[in-house]
Amino acid sequence: MFRFFKQAFSRQNLEVRVPHARGLPITDMNQYGEEAESRQWIGVDLDGTLAEAGPWQGFEHIGKPVPNMVKRLKIWIEMGYRVKIVTARAEKPELAIPPILSWLEENNLPKLEITNAKDMDMIELWDDRCVQVVPNTGNPIGPNPDPYRSR
């Protein structure tokens, strides 16, 4: 893993597969191989994750890029992962998608698919509002994310 990050930051060409899924069923439909692997994707929330969040100012306003998340997104793309923006804004695609595409271009980010839905091929979701749970228990993996939730 360290070697990958060293290569990524030194801008060497990378050829990376999905290491955590090698040899295992990689979709919920128990499909294997490169075709199934090519459908996998990582979801990244927009407001509060890829872009700074503030009070809602409409679809046209998107905050400044979050540098750590931008760097992570670029590494994933270099590794060959598909990345999609998963945002509630996309509930109204005709209002949401054009400003998001413009924001990506203005911030030298690639054109990404934009959605408000998960599907069986999503392998990770990065979101400021998520709380990960232990499968089949409803119990959070770690402590509740206070102070993020104010009363």
N, C-alpha and C. Protein backbone atom coordinates (compact mmCIF):
# COMPACT_ATOMS: atom_id res chain seq x y z
N MET A 1 0.82 -1.19 0.00
CA MET A 1 0.00 0.00 0.00
C MET A 1 0.87 1.25 0.00
N PHE A 2 1.93 1.26 0.83
CA PHE A 2 2.80 2.42 0.90
C PHE A 2 3.43 2.69 -0.47
N ARG A 3 3.83 1.59 -1.16
CA ARG A 3 4.46 1.73 -2.47
C ARG A 3 3.49 2.42 -3.44
N PHE A 4 2.20 2.07 -3.38
CA PHE A 4 1.23 2.70 -4.26
C PHE A 4 1.18 4.21 -4.04
N PHE A 5 1.08 4.63 -2.77
CA PHE A 5 0.98 6.06 -2.50
C PHE A 5 2.25 6.80 -2.91
N LYS A 6 3.40 6.14 -2.72
CA LYS A 6 4.66 6.75 -3.16
C LYS A 6 4.63 6.95 -4.67
N GLN A 7 4.15 5.93 -5.40
CA GLN A 7 4.04 6.05 -6.85
C GLN A 7 3.02 7.12 -7.24
N ALA A 8 1.89 7.14 -6.55
CA ALA A 8 0.83 8.09 -6.88
C ALA A 8 1.30 9.52 -6.71
N PHE A 9 2.00 9.78 -5.63
CA PHE A 9 2.45 11.14 -5.39
C PHE A 9 3.65 11.52 -6.25
N SER A 10 4.37 10.52 -6.78
CA SER A 10 5.49 10.81 -7.67
C SER A 10 5.03 10.86 -9.12
N ARG A 11 3.77 10.63 -9.37
CA ARG A 11 3.13 10.71 -10.68
C ARG A 11 3.60 9.64 -11.66
N GLN A 12 4.02 8.50 -11.17
CA GLN A 12 4.35 7.39 -12.05
C GLN A 12 3.06 6.77 -12.55
N ASN A 13 3.11 6.18 -13.73
CA ASN A 13 1.93 5.50 -14.26
C ASN A 13 1.61 4.31 -13.37
N LEU A 14 0.34 4.11 -13.08
CA LEU A 14 -0.09 3.05 -12.18
C LEU A 14 -1.02 2.10 -12.92
N GLU A 15 -0.89 0.83 -12.63
CA GLU A 15 -1.86 -0.14 -13.10
C GLU A 15 -2.32 -0.90 -11.87
N VAL A 16 -3.51 -0.57 -11.39
CA VAL A 16 -4.00 -1.11 -10.13
C VAL A 16 -5.39 -1.69 -10.34
N ARG A 17 -5.62 -2.85 -9.79
CA ARG A 17 -6.94 -3.48 -9.81
C ARG A 17 -7.63 -3.17 -8.48
N VAL A 18 -8.70 -3.87 -8.22
CA VAL A 18 -9.44 -3.69 -6.98
C VAL A 18 -8.93 -4.75 -6.01
N PRO A 19 -7.90 -4.43 -5.19
CA PRO A 19 -7.24 -5.46 -4.40
C PRO A 19 -8.13 -6.13 -3.37
N HIS A 20 -9.05 -5.40 -2.77
CA HIS A 20 -9.86 -6.00 -1.71
C HIS A 20 -10.90 -6.96 -2.26
N ALA A 21 -11.08 -7.01 -3.57
CA ALA A 21 -12.09 -7.88 -4.14
C ALA A 21 -11.51 -9.01 -4.97
N ARG A 22 -10.19 -9.05 -5.12
CA ARG A 22 -9.59 -10.06 -5.99
C ARG A 22 -9.98 -11.46 -5.53
N GLY A 23 -10.55 -12.22 -6.47
CA GLY A 23 -10.89 -13.61 -6.20
C GLY A 23 -12.20 -13.79 -5.44
N LEU A 24 -12.87 -12.72 -5.11
CA LEU A 24 -14.13 -12.82 -4.38
C LEU A 24 -15.27 -12.32 -5.25
N PRO A 25 -16.52 -12.69 -4.94
CA PRO A 25 -17.64 -12.10 -5.67
C PRO A 25 -17.58 -10.59 -5.46
N ILE A 26 -17.67 -9.83 -6.53
CA ILE A 26 -17.48 -8.40 -6.37
C ILE A 26 -18.74 -7.58 -6.65
N THR A 27 -19.85 -8.23 -6.79
CA THR A 27 -21.12 -7.53 -6.82
C THR A 27 -22.10 -8.33 -5.97
N ASP A 28 -23.20 -7.72 -5.63
CA ASP A 28 -24.21 -8.43 -4.86
C ASP A 28 -24.86 -9.55 -5.67
N MET A 29 -24.58 -9.58 -6.97
CA MET A 29 -25.13 -10.64 -7.81
C MET A 29 -24.13 -11.79 -7.94
N ASN A 30 -23.04 -11.78 -7.12
CA ASN A 30 -22.02 -12.82 -7.11
C ASN A 30 -21.37 -13.02 -8.48
N GLN A 31 -21.10 -11.90 -9.18
CA GLN A 31 -20.41 -11.98 -10.45
C GLN A 31 -18.92 -11.76 -10.21
N TYR A 32 -18.11 -12.40 -11.05
CA TYR A 32 -16.66 -12.34 -10.92
C TYR A 32 -16.05 -11.74 -12.18
N GLY A 33 -14.79 -11.36 -12.09
CA GLY A 33 -14.01 -11.03 -13.27
C GLY A 33 -13.95 -9.57 -13.62
N GLU A 34 -13.21 -9.30 -14.69
CA GLU A 34 -12.95 -7.91 -15.08
C GLU A 34 -14.21 -7.15 -15.46
N GLU A 35 -15.17 -7.81 -16.10
CA GLU A 35 -16.39 -7.11 -16.50
C GLU A 35 -17.15 -6.62 -15.27
N ALA A 36 -17.31 -7.49 -14.28
CA ALA A 36 -17.99 -7.09 -13.05
C ALA A 36 -17.18 -6.03 -12.32
N GLU A 37 -15.85 -6.20 -12.30
CA GLU A 37 -14.97 -5.24 -11.63
C GLU A 37 -15.07 -3.87 -12.28
N SER A 38 -15.21 -3.83 -13.60
CA SER A 38 -15.26 -2.55 -14.31
C SER A 38 -16.51 -1.75 -13.97
N ARG A 39 -17.54 -2.41 -13.46
CA ARG A 39 -18.78 -1.70 -13.09
C ARG A 39 -18.71 -1.10 -11.69
N GLN A 40 -17.74 -1.53 -10.88
CA GLN A 40 -17.66 -1.03 -9.50
C GLN A 40 -17.37 0.46 -9.49
N TRP A 41 -17.86 1.12 -8.44
CA TRP A 41 -17.58 2.54 -8.33
C TRP A 41 -17.56 2.98 -6.88
N ILE A 42 -16.92 4.13 -6.66
CA ILE A 42 -16.84 4.75 -5.33
C ILE A 42 -17.69 6.01 -5.38
N GLY A 43 -18.56 6.17 -4.39
CA GLY A 43 -19.41 7.35 -4.31
C GLY A 43 -18.79 8.40 -3.39
N VAL A 44 -18.85 9.65 -3.84
CA VAL A 44 -18.34 10.78 -3.06
C VAL A 44 -19.44 11.83 -2.98
N ASP A 45 -19.83 12.17 -1.77
CA ASP A 45 -20.80 13.23 -1.56
C ASP A 45 -20.20 14.56 -1.99
N LEU A 46 -21.04 15.51 -2.34
CA LEU A 46 -20.55 16.83 -2.75
C LEU A 46 -20.43 17.76 -1.55
N ASP A 47 -21.55 18.24 -1.04
CA ASP A 47 -21.54 19.26 0.01
C ASP A 47 -21.06 18.69 1.34
N GLY A 48 -19.98 19.24 1.85
CA GLY A 48 -19.42 18.80 3.12
C GLY A 48 -18.39 17.69 2.99
N THR A 49 -18.18 17.18 1.78
CA THR A 49 -17.21 16.11 1.56
C THR A 49 -16.21 16.52 0.47
N LEU A 50 -16.67 16.69 -0.75
CA LEU A 50 -15.79 17.14 -1.84
C LEU A 50 -15.71 18.66 -1.89
N ALA A 51 -16.79 19.31 -1.48
CA ALA A 51 -16.85 20.78 -1.43
C ALA A 51 -17.24 21.22 -0.03
N GLU A 52 -16.72 22.36 0.39
CA GLU A 52 -17.10 22.89 1.70
C GLU A 52 -18.59 23.19 1.72
N ALA A 53 -19.23 22.90 2.84
CA ALA A 53 -20.67 23.12 2.98
C ALA A 53 -20.92 24.37 3.82
N GLY A 54 -21.94 25.05 3.49
CA GLY A 54 -22.40 26.21 4.26
C GLY A 54 -23.91 26.25 4.17
N PRO A 55 -24.50 27.33 4.61
CA PRO A 55 -25.96 27.44 4.48
C PRO A 55 -26.38 27.34 3.01
N TRP A 56 -27.50 26.70 2.77
CA TRP A 56 -28.00 26.51 1.40
C TRP A 56 -28.22 27.86 0.74
N GLN A 57 -27.63 28.01 -0.45
CA GLN A 57 -27.77 29.25 -1.23
C GLN A 57 -28.28 28.95 -2.63
N GLY A 58 -28.80 27.76 -2.84
CA GLY A 58 -29.33 27.41 -4.15
C GLY A 58 -28.39 26.49 -4.92
N PHE A 59 -28.92 25.96 -6.03
CA PHE A 59 -28.18 24.99 -6.82
C PHE A 59 -26.92 25.56 -7.44
N GLU A 60 -26.91 26.84 -7.74
CA GLU A 60 -25.76 27.45 -8.41
C GLU A 60 -24.56 27.62 -7.48
N HIS A 61 -24.79 27.65 -6.17
CA HIS A 61 -23.68 27.86 -5.23
C HIS A 61 -23.12 26.52 -4.75
N ILE A 62 -21.82 26.35 -4.95
CA ILE A 62 -21.10 25.18 -4.44
C ILE A 62 -19.85 25.71 -3.77
N GLY A 63 -19.55 25.21 -2.58
CA GLY A 63 -18.41 25.69 -1.81
C GLY A 63 -17.07 25.38 -2.46
N LYS A 64 -16.01 25.85 -1.80
CA LYS A 64 -14.65 25.60 -2.27
C LYS A 64 -14.32 24.12 -2.15
N PRO A 65 -13.43 23.63 -3.01
CA PRO A 65 -13.02 22.22 -2.91
C PRO A 65 -12.33 21.92 -1.59
N VAL A 66 -12.54 20.71 -1.08
CA VAL A 66 -11.86 20.23 0.12
C VAL A 66 -10.58 19.54 -0.35
N PRO A 67 -9.39 20.13 -0.09
CA PRO A 67 -8.14 19.63 -0.67
C PRO A 67 -7.87 18.15 -0.43
N ASN A 68 -8.06 17.64 0.77
CA ASN A 68 -7.78 16.23 1.04
C ASN A 68 -8.67 15.31 0.22
N MET A 69 -9.92 15.69 0.06
CA MET A 69 -10.85 14.85 -0.70
C MET A 69 -10.54 14.93 -2.19
N VAL A 70 -10.16 16.09 -2.67
CA VAL A 70 -9.78 16.24 -4.08
C VAL A 70 -8.58 15.35 -4.39
N LYS A 71 -7.59 15.37 -3.50
CA LYS A 71 -6.40 14.54 -3.70
C LYS A 71 -6.78 13.06 -3.72
N ARG A 72 -7.63 12.66 -2.78
CA ARG A 72 -8.06 11.26 -2.70
C ARG A 72 -8.80 10.86 -3.98
N LEU A 73 -9.71 11.70 -4.46
CA LEU A 73 -10.47 11.43 -5.67
C LEU A 73 -9.54 11.25 -6.86
N LYS A 74 -8.54 12.12 -6.99
CA LYS A 74 -7.60 12.02 -8.11
C LYS A 74 -6.79 10.72 -8.04
N ILE A 75 -6.41 10.31 -6.85
CA ILE A 75 -5.67 9.05 -6.69
C ILE A 75 -6.54 7.88 -7.11
N TRP A 76 -7.80 7.87 -6.67
CA TRP A 76 -8.70 6.78 -7.06
C TRP A 76 -8.82 6.70 -8.58
N ILE A 77 -8.98 7.85 -9.22
CA ILE A 77 -9.12 7.87 -10.67
C ILE A 77 -7.85 7.35 -11.33
N GLU A 78 -6.68 7.77 -10.83
CA GLU A 78 -5.41 7.27 -11.36
C GLU A 78 -5.30 5.76 -11.16
N MET A 79 -5.85 5.25 -10.07
CA MET A 79 -5.82 3.81 -9.80
C MET A 79 -6.77 3.04 -10.72
N GLY A 80 -7.63 3.75 -11.41
CA GLY A 80 -8.56 3.10 -12.32
C GLY A 80 -9.95 2.91 -11.78
N TYR A 81 -10.24 3.43 -10.59
CA TYR A 81 -11.59 3.33 -10.04
C TYR A 81 -12.54 4.28 -10.75
N ARG A 82 -13.78 3.87 -10.89
CA ARG A 82 -14.85 4.79 -11.31
C ARG A 82 -15.28 5.54 -10.07
N VAL A 83 -15.46 6.83 -10.20
CA VAL A 83 -15.92 7.65 -9.08
C VAL A 83 -17.15 8.42 -9.56
N LYS A 84 -18.17 8.42 -8.71
CA LYS A 84 -19.39 9.18 -9.00
C LYS A 84 -19.65 10.14 -7.85
N ILE A 85 -20.23 11.27 -8.16
CA ILE A 85 -20.70 12.18 -7.12
C ILE A 85 -22.11 11.72 -6.75
N VAL A 86 -22.30 11.47 -5.44
CA VAL A 86 -23.60 11.07 -4.92
C VAL A 86 -24.10 12.23 -4.07
N THR A 87 -25.14 12.90 -4.54
CA THR A 87 -25.62 14.09 -3.85
C THR A 87 -27.13 14.18 -3.90
N ALA A 88 -27.71 14.65 -2.80
CA ALA A 88 -29.16 14.85 -2.77
C ALA A 88 -29.59 15.91 -3.78
N ARG A 89 -28.66 16.80 -4.15
CA ARG A 89 -28.99 17.82 -5.16
C ARG A 89 -29.52 17.17 -6.44
N ALA A 90 -29.00 16.00 -6.78
CA ALA A 90 -29.35 15.34 -8.04
C ALA A 90 -30.79 14.84 -8.07
N GLU A 91 -31.52 15.03 -6.98
CA GLU A 91 -32.96 14.72 -7.00
C GLU A 91 -33.65 15.57 -8.07
N LYS A 92 -33.09 16.76 -8.31
CA LYS A 92 -33.59 17.65 -9.37
C LYS A 92 -32.46 17.82 -10.39
N PRO A 93 -32.25 16.81 -11.24
CA PRO A 93 -31.07 16.80 -12.11
C PRO A 93 -30.98 18.00 -13.04
N GLU A 94 -32.10 18.48 -13.54
CA GLU A 94 -32.06 19.60 -14.48
C GLU A 94 -31.53 20.88 -13.81
N LEU A 95 -31.71 21.02 -12.50
CA LEU A 95 -31.20 22.17 -11.77
C LEU A 95 -29.81 21.92 -11.18
N ALA A 96 -29.52 20.67 -10.83
CA ALA A 96 -28.31 20.36 -10.08
C ALA A 96 -27.10 20.02 -10.95
N ILE A 97 -27.30 19.25 -11.98
CA ILE A 97 -26.16 18.71 -12.71
C ILE A 97 -25.35 19.77 -13.46
N PRO A 98 -25.95 20.70 -14.18
CA PRO A 98 -25.13 21.69 -14.89
C PRO A 98 -24.18 22.49 -13.97
N PRO A 99 -24.64 23.00 -12.81
CA PRO A 99 -23.69 23.72 -11.96
C PRO A 99 -22.59 22.82 -11.38
N ILE A 100 -22.91 21.55 -11.11
CA ILE A 100 -21.89 20.64 -10.58
C ILE A 100 -20.83 20.37 -11.64
N LEU A 101 -21.26 20.13 -12.88
CA LEU A 101 -20.29 19.91 -13.96
C LEU A 101 -19.40 21.14 -14.16
N SER A 102 -19.99 22.32 -14.08
CA SER A 102 -19.20 23.57 -14.20
C SER A 102 -18.20 23.67 -13.05
N TRP A 103 -18.64 23.34 -11.82
CA TRP A 103 -17.76 23.40 -10.65
C TRP A 103 -16.58 22.44 -10.82
N LEU A 104 -16.85 21.23 -11.31
CA LEU A 104 -15.78 20.27 -11.55
C LEU A 104 -14.76 20.84 -12.54
N GLU A 105 -15.25 21.40 -13.62
CA GLU A 105 -14.36 21.96 -14.64
C GLU A 105 -13.56 23.14 -14.08
N GLU A 106 -14.22 24.04 -13.36
CA GLU A 106 -13.55 25.21 -12.78
C GLU A 106 -12.45 24.81 -11.80
N ASN A 107 -12.59 23.65 -11.19
CA ASN A 107 -11.62 23.19 -10.20
C ASN A 107 -10.69 22.10 -10.74
N ASN A 108 -10.59 22.03 -12.07
CA ASN A 108 -9.68 21.10 -12.74
C ASN A 108 -9.90 19.65 -12.33
N LEU A 109 -11.15 19.30 -12.16
CA LEU A 109 -11.52 17.91 -11.85
C LEU A 109 -12.19 17.30 -13.07
N PRO A 110 -12.06 16.00 -13.25
CA PRO A 110 -12.67 15.37 -14.43
C PRO A 110 -14.20 15.39 -14.34
N LYS A 111 -14.81 15.29 -15.50
CA LYS A 111 -16.27 15.17 -15.57
C LYS A 111 -16.64 13.82 -14.96
N LEU A 112 -17.46 13.84 -13.94
CA LEU A 112 -17.88 12.62 -13.25
C LEU A 112 -19.38 12.43 -13.40
N GLU A 113 -19.81 11.18 -13.31
CA GLU A 113 -21.23 10.90 -13.28
C GLU A 113 -21.78 11.44 -11.97
N ILE A 114 -23.01 11.96 -12.01
CA ILE A 114 -23.64 12.55 -10.83
C ILE A 114 -24.97 11.84 -10.61
N THR A 115 -25.20 11.41 -9.37
CA THR A 115 -26.41 10.64 -9.05
C THR A 115 -26.86 10.97 -7.64
N ASN A 116 -28.06 10.55 -7.31
CA ASN A 116 -28.53 10.62 -5.93
C ASN A 116 -28.87 9.22 -5.42
N ALA A 117 -28.38 8.20 -6.14
CA ALA A 117 -28.76 6.83 -5.79
C ALA A 117 -27.56 5.91 -5.71
N LYS A 118 -27.63 4.98 -4.75
CA LYS A 118 -26.67 3.89 -4.68
C LYS A 118 -27.19 2.77 -5.57
N ASP A 119 -26.29 1.87 -5.95
CA ASP A 119 -26.72 0.65 -6.63
C ASP A 119 -25.82 -0.50 -6.19
N MET A 120 -26.04 -1.68 -6.73
CA MET A 120 -25.32 -2.88 -6.30
C MET A 120 -23.83 -2.84 -6.59
N ASP A 121 -23.39 -1.96 -7.49
CA ASP A 121 -21.98 -1.91 -7.87
C ASP A 121 -21.17 -0.88 -7.08
N MET A 122 -21.82 -0.11 -6.21
CA MET A 122 -21.09 0.84 -5.38
C MET A 122 -20.33 0.08 -4.30
N ILE A 123 -19.01 0.34 -4.20
CA ILE A 123 -18.20 -0.39 -3.22
C ILE A 123 -17.87 0.45 -1.99
N GLU A 124 -17.94 1.76 -2.09
CA GLU A 124 -17.71 2.65 -0.95
C GLU A 124 -18.52 3.91 -1.15
N LEU A 125 -18.86 4.56 -0.03
CA LEU A 125 -19.51 5.86 -0.07
C LEU A 125 -18.81 6.76 0.94
N TRP A 126 -18.31 7.88 0.49
CA TRP A 126 -17.66 8.87 1.34
C TRP A 126 -18.63 10.03 1.49
N ASP A 127 -19.07 10.28 2.72
CA ASP A 127 -20.12 11.26 2.96
C ASP A 127 -19.99 11.80 4.38
N ASP A 128 -20.15 13.10 4.54
CA ASP A 128 -20.02 13.71 5.87
C ASP A 128 -21.18 13.35 6.80
N ARG A 129 -22.25 12.80 6.30
CA ARG A 129 -23.40 12.47 7.15
C ARG A 129 -23.54 10.99 7.47
N CYS A 130 -22.67 10.17 6.93
CA CYS A 130 -22.79 8.71 7.13
C CYS A 130 -22.29 8.29 8.51
N VAL A 131 -22.91 7.28 9.05
CA VAL A 131 -22.41 6.58 10.22
C VAL A 131 -22.36 5.11 9.80
N GLN A 132 -21.15 4.54 9.78
CA GLN A 132 -21.01 3.14 9.36
C GLN A 132 -21.46 2.23 10.49
N VAL A 133 -22.18 1.17 10.10
CA VAL A 133 -22.68 0.22 11.09
C VAL A 133 -22.08 -1.16 10.85
N VAL A 134 -22.00 -1.94 11.93
CA VAL A 134 -21.60 -3.34 11.81
C VAL A 134 -22.73 -4.04 11.07
N PRO A 135 -22.42 -4.76 9.97
CA PRO A 135 -23.49 -5.39 9.19
C PRO A 135 -24.41 -6.25 10.06
N ASN A 136 -25.68 -6.14 9.78
CA ASN A 136 -26.74 -6.94 10.38
C ASN A 136 -26.95 -6.70 11.87
N THR A 137 -26.42 -5.60 12.41
CA THR A 137 -26.60 -5.33 13.84
C THR A 137 -27.26 -3.98 14.13
N GLY A 138 -27.07 -3.02 13.23
CA GLY A 138 -27.53 -1.67 13.52
C GLY A 138 -26.62 -0.91 14.45
N ASN A 139 -25.52 -1.52 14.89
CA ASN A 139 -24.59 -0.88 15.82
C ASN A 139 -23.53 -0.10 15.06
N PRO A 140 -23.23 1.14 15.49
CA PRO A 140 -22.19 1.91 14.80
C PRO A 140 -20.82 1.28 14.99
N ILE A 141 -19.97 1.42 13.98
CA ILE A 141 -18.60 0.91 14.04
C ILE A 141 -17.81 1.64 15.12
N GLY A 142 -17.95 2.93 15.16
CA GLY A 142 -17.21 3.74 16.13
C GLY A 142 -18.17 4.61 16.92
N PRO A 143 -17.63 5.55 17.67
CA PRO A 143 -18.50 6.43 18.44
C PRO A 143 -19.33 7.32 17.53
N ASN A 144 -20.47 7.76 18.02
CA ASN A 144 -21.28 8.69 17.25
C ASN A 144 -20.47 9.95 16.99
N PRO A 145 -20.64 10.54 15.82
CA PRO A 145 -19.76 11.62 15.40
C PRO A 145 -20.05 12.99 16.01
N ASP A 146 -20.21 13.04 17.33
CA ASP A 146 -20.31 14.35 17.97
C ASP A 146 -18.96 15.03 17.78
N PRO A 147 -18.85 16.28 17.56
CA PRO A 147 -19.84 17.35 17.69
C PRO A 147 -20.59 17.66 16.42
N TYR A 148 -20.59 16.77 15.41
CA TYR A 148 -21.24 17.05 14.14
C TYR A 148 -22.75 17.22 14.27
N ARG A 149 -23.30 16.58 15.27
CA ARG A 149 -24.74 16.70 15.49
C ARG A 149 -25.01 17.60 16.66
N SER A 150 -25.47 18.79 16.37
CA SER A 150 -25.81 19.68 17.47
C SER A 150 -27.31 19.65 17.70
N ARG A 151 -27.70 19.86 18.90
CA ARG A 151 -29.13 19.81 19.22
C ARG A 151 -29.76 21.16 19.16
